[in-house]
C-alpha atoms as a PDB file:
ATOM      1  CA  VAL A   1     -11.963 -38.792  51.234  1.00  0.00           C
ATOM      2  CA  GLN A   2     -12.621 -41.255  48.453  1.00  0.00           C
ATOM      3  CA  GLN A   3      -9.604 -43.494  49.004  1.00  0.00           C
ATOM      4  CA  GLY A   4      -6.864 -43.590  51.642  1.00  0.00           C
ATOM      5  CA  TRP A   5      -3.815 -45.748  52.193  1.00  0.00           C
ATOM      6  CA  SER A   6      -1.351 -46.679  54.929  1.00  0.00           C
ATOM      7  CA  ALA A   7      -3.713 -45.552  57.702  1.00  0.00           C
ATOM      8  CA  ASP A   8      -7.126 -46.367  59.139  1.00  0.00           C
ATOM      9  CA  TRP A   9      -9.352 -43.567  57.802  1.00  0.00           C
ATOM     10  CA  SER A  10     -12.693 -42.295  59.070  1.00  0.00           C
ATOM     11  CA  GLN A  11     -14.789 -39.284  58.151  1.00  0.00           C
ATOM     12  CA  SER A  12     -17.648 -37.490  59.881  1.00  0.00           C
ATOM     13  CA  GLY A  13     -18.917 -34.557  57.844  1.00  0.00           C
ATOM     14  CA  SER A  14     -15.909 -32.413  56.998  1.00  0.00           C
ATOM     15  CA  THR A  15     -13.709 -33.948  59.725  1.00  0.00           C
ATOM     16  CA  VAL A  16     -11.304 -36.624  58.490  1.00  0.00           C
ATOM     17  CA  THR A  17      -9.226 -38.731  60.889  1.00  0.00           C
ATOM     18  CA  ALA A  18      -6.228 -40.905  60.014  1.00  0.00           C
ATOM     19  CA  LYS A  19      -5.008 -43.324  62.686  1.00  0.00           C
ATOM     20  CA  ASN A  20      -2.035 -45.648  62.450  1.00  0.00           C
ATOM     21  CA  ALA A  21      -2.626 -48.913  60.660  1.00  0.00           C
ATOM     22  CA  ALA A  22      -1.892 -52.140  62.523  1.00  0.00           C
ATOM     23  CA  TRP A  23       1.418 -52.593  60.683  1.00  0.00           C
ATOM     24  CA  ASN A  24       2.795 -49.056  61.322  1.00  0.00           C
ATOM     25  CA  GLY A  25       1.634 -48.342  64.866  1.00  0.00           C
ATOM     26  CA  SER A  26       5.085 -48.680  66.388  1.00  0.00           C
ATOM     27  CA  LEU A  27       8.081 -47.320  64.502  1.00  0.00           C
ATOM     28  CA  ALA A  28      11.673 -47.433  65.653  1.00  0.00           C
ATOM     29  CA  PRO A  29      13.558 -44.138  66.003  1.00  0.00           C
ATOM     30  CA  GLY A  30      14.392 -42.749  62.570  1.00  0.00           C
ATOM     31  CA  GLN A  31      11.766 -44.824  60.746  1.00  0.00           C
ATOM     32  CA  THR A  32       8.892 -43.197  58.881  1.00  0.00           C
ATOM     33  CA  ALA A  33       5.510 -44.147  57.470  1.00  0.00           C
ATOM     34  CA  ASP A  34       3.884 -42.249  54.608  1.00  0.00           C
ATOM     35  CA  ILE A  35       0.110 -41.932  54.327  1.00  0.00           C
ATOM     36  CA  GLY A  36      -2.013 -40.468  51.568  1.00  0.00           C
ATOM     37  CA  PHE A  37      -5.511 -39.996  50.272  1.00  0.00           C
ATOM     38  CA  ASN A  38      -7.579 -39.051  47.247  1.00  0.00           C
ATOM     39  CA  GLY A  39     -10.519 -36.777  47.816  1.00  0.00           C
ATOM     40  CA  SER A  40     -13.007 -34.575  46.053  1.00  0.00           C
ATOM     41  CA  HIS A  41     -15.064 -31.537  46.922  1.00  0.00           C
ATOM     42  CA  SER A  42     -18.001 -29.849  45.281  1.00  0.00           C
ATOM     43  CA  GLY A  43     -19.185 -26.391  46.178  1.00  0.00           C
ATOM     44  CA  THR A  44     -17.424 -23.401  47.660  1.00  0.00           C
ATOM     45  CA  ASN A  45     -14.434 -23.810  49.928  1.00  0.00           C
ATOM     46  CA  THR A  46     -14.095 -21.052  52.528  1.00  0.00           C
ATOM     47  CA  ASN A  47     -10.802 -20.099  54.194  1.00  0.00           C
ATOM     48  CA  PRO A  48     -10.223 -21.945  57.479  1.00  0.00           C
ATOM     49  CA  VAL A  49     -10.117 -19.879  60.665  1.00  0.00           C
ATOM     50  CA  SER A  50      -7.519 -22.124  62.351  1.00  0.00           C
ATOM     51  CA  PHE A  51      -5.496 -25.328  62.073  1.00  0.00           C
ATOM     52  CA  SER A  52      -4.568 -27.856  64.732  1.00  0.00           C
ATOM     53  CA  LEU A  53      -2.398 -30.962  64.937  1.00  0.00           C
ATOM     54  CA  ASN A  54      -3.081 -33.489  67.693  1.00  0.00           C
ATOM     55  CA  GLY A  55      -5.140 -30.841  69.486  1.00  0.00           C
ATOM     56  CA  ALA A  56      -2.359 -28.206  69.406  1.00  0.00           C
ATOM     57  CA  LYS A  57      -3.174 -25.011  67.529  1.00  0.00           C
ATOM     58  CA  CYS A  58      -0.856 -24.225  64.593  1.00  0.00           C
ATOM     59  CA  SER A  59       0.127 -20.696  63.669  1.00  0.00           C
END
């Protein structure tokens, strides 16, 4: 990740984490917050073996 917005971003190796920013940590029902990032990658990108969201495996 080269640049991120609307979240507190951290990266360790290939793992990127986005946590709520101070201003969007508590949203009322029906409200939303959009986040985004710019990134780059050099080298070969292999297919992932699995995905997860908040620790729950996606299928």
